[in-house]
Amino acid sequence: MTVIKAVNIEQTYELLNSNQHEEIELDFDIDTDDFFNIAITYGDRGAKIKRKKGRFVIKLKKK
């Protein structure tokens, strides 16, 4: 499984909404508000967020 890296919050939302990737690594320092917005919005859709090697990785539920 390939992990795609997002380098900013805008790219993160583009990748999440594209439904083309199962795992997205946040390769930037995300602020608290953005983190919790993602956690609430995409967590309700089945996404899991884990911390790996100092970065957050969002794993999306397969459709």
C-alpha atoms as a PDB file:
ATOM      1  CA  MET A   1       0.000   0.000   0.000  1.00  0.00           C
ATOM      2  CA  THR A   2       1.413   3.340  -1.044  1.00  0.00           C
ATOM      3  CA  VAL A   3       1.342   6.265   1.346  1.00  0.00           C
ATOM      4  CA  ILE A   4       0.996   9.660  -0.338  1.00  0.00           C
ATOM      5  CA  LYS A   5       2.408  12.732   1.403  1.00  0.00           C
ATOM      6  CA  ALA A   6       0.509  15.975   1.816  1.00  0.00           C
ATOM      7  CA  VAL A   7       2.731  19.033   2.285  1.00  0.00           C
ATOM      8  CA  ASN A   8       0.059  21.509   3.447  1.00  0.00           C
ATOM      9  CA  ILE A   9      -3.512  21.588   4.704  1.00  0.00           C
ATOM     10  CA  GLU A  10      -4.999  22.467   1.310  1.00  0.00           C
ATOM     11  CA  GLN A  11      -3.358  19.450  -0.310  1.00  0.00           C
ATOM     12  CA  THR A  12      -4.516  17.293   2.595  1.00  0.00           C
ATOM     13  CA  TYR A  13      -8.150  18.170   1.954  1.00  0.00           C
ATOM     14  CA  GLU A  14      -7.722  17.650  -1.814  1.00  0.00           C
ATOM     15  CA  LEU A  15      -6.290  14.173  -1.250  1.00  0.00           C
ATOM     16  CA  LEU A  16      -8.903  13.241   1.345  1.00  0.00           C
ATOM     17  CA  ASN A  17     -11.767  14.353  -0.876  1.00  0.00           C
ATOM     18  CA  SER A  18     -10.398  12.655  -4.009  1.00  0.00           C
ATOM     19  CA  ASN A  19     -11.063   9.166  -2.577  1.00  0.00           C
ATOM     20  CA  GLN A  20      -8.072   7.899  -4.577  1.00  0.00           C
ATOM     21  CA  HIS A  21      -5.691   7.169  -1.696  1.00  0.00           C
ATOM     22  CA  GLU A  22      -5.985   4.821   1.259  1.00  0.00           C
ATOM     23  CA  GLU A  23      -3.248   6.452   3.345  1.00  0.00           C
ATOM     24  CA  ILE A  24      -2.155  10.076   3.507  1.00  0.00           C
ATOM     25  CA  GLU A  25       0.845  11.212   5.539  1.00  0.00           C
ATOM     26  CA  LEU A  26       0.762  14.776   6.825  1.00  0.00           C
ATOM     27  CA  ASP A  27       4.317  15.866   5.993  1.00  0.00           C
ATOM     28  CA  PHE A  28       3.976  19.248   7.711  1.00  0.00           C
ATOM     29  CA  ASP A  29       3.241  20.644  11.152  1.00  0.00           C
ATOM     30  CA  ILE A  30      -0.531  20.719  11.436  1.00  0.00           C
ATOM     31  CA  ASP A  31      -2.145  23.107  13.896  1.00  0.00           C
ATOM     32  CA  THR A  32      -4.580  21.904  16.523  1.00  0.00           C
ATOM     33  CA  ASP A  33      -7.731  23.318  14.922  1.00  0.00           C
ATOM     34  CA  ASP A  34      -6.993  21.718  11.537  1.00  0.00           C
ATOM     35  CA  PHE A  35      -6.120  18.404  13.184  1.00  0.00           C
ATOM     36  CA  PHE A  36      -9.396  18.245  15.083  1.00  0.00           C
ATOM     37  CA  ASN A  37     -11.419  19.358  12.055  1.00  0.00           C
ATOM     38  CA  ILE A  38      -9.946  16.447  10.093  1.00  0.00           C
ATOM     39  CA  ALA A  39     -10.403  14.039  13.014  1.00  0.00           C
ATOM     40  CA  ILE A  40     -14.068  14.940  13.444  1.00  0.00           C
ATOM     41  CA  THR A  41     -15.028  15.187   9.773  1.00  0.00           C
ATOM     42  CA  TYR A  42     -13.187  12.158   8.432  1.00  0.00           C
ATOM     43  CA  GLY A  43     -13.343  10.107  11.634  1.00  0.00           C
ATOM     44  CA  ASP A  44     -17.111  10.087  11.261  1.00  0.00           C
ATOM     45  CA  ARG A  45     -16.521   8.532   7.825  1.00  0.00           C
ATOM     46  CA  GLY A  46     -14.339   5.759   9.223  1.00  0.00           C
ATOM     47  CA  ALA A  47     -10.866   7.292   8.893  1.00  0.00           C
ATOM     48  CA  LYS A  48      -8.187   6.373  11.428  1.00  0.00           C
ATOM     49  CA  ILE A  49      -5.372   8.740  12.412  1.00  0.00           C
ATOM     50  CA  LYS A  50      -2.106   7.390  13.791  1.00  0.00           C
ATOM     51  CA  ARG A  51       1.280   8.895  14.488  1.00  0.00           C
ATOM     52  CA  LYS A  52       4.187   7.201  12.691  1.00  0.00           C
ATOM     53  CA  LYS A  53       7.769   8.411  12.907  1.00  0.00           C
ATOM     54  CA  GLY A  54       6.720  11.852  14.118  1.00  0.00           C
ATOM     55  CA  ARG A  55       4.046  12.429  11.449  1.00  0.00           C
ATOM     56  CA  PHE A  56       0.321  11.813  11.376  1.00  0.00           C
ATOM     57  CA  VAL A  57      -0.988   9.263   8.893  1.00  0.00           C
ATOM     58  CA  ILE A  58      -4.654   9.188   7.952  1.00  0.00           C
ATOM     59  CA  LYS A  59      -5.929   5.791   6.853  1.00  0.00           C
ATOM     60  CA  LEU A  60      -9.204   6.000   4.993  1.00  0.00           C
ATOM     61  CA  LYS A  61     -11.828   3.297   5.111  1.00  0.00           C
ATOM     62  CA  LYS A  62     -12.020   1.271   1.908  1.00  0.00           C
ATOM     63  CA  LYS A  63     -15.153   1.717  -0.137  1.00  0.00           C
END
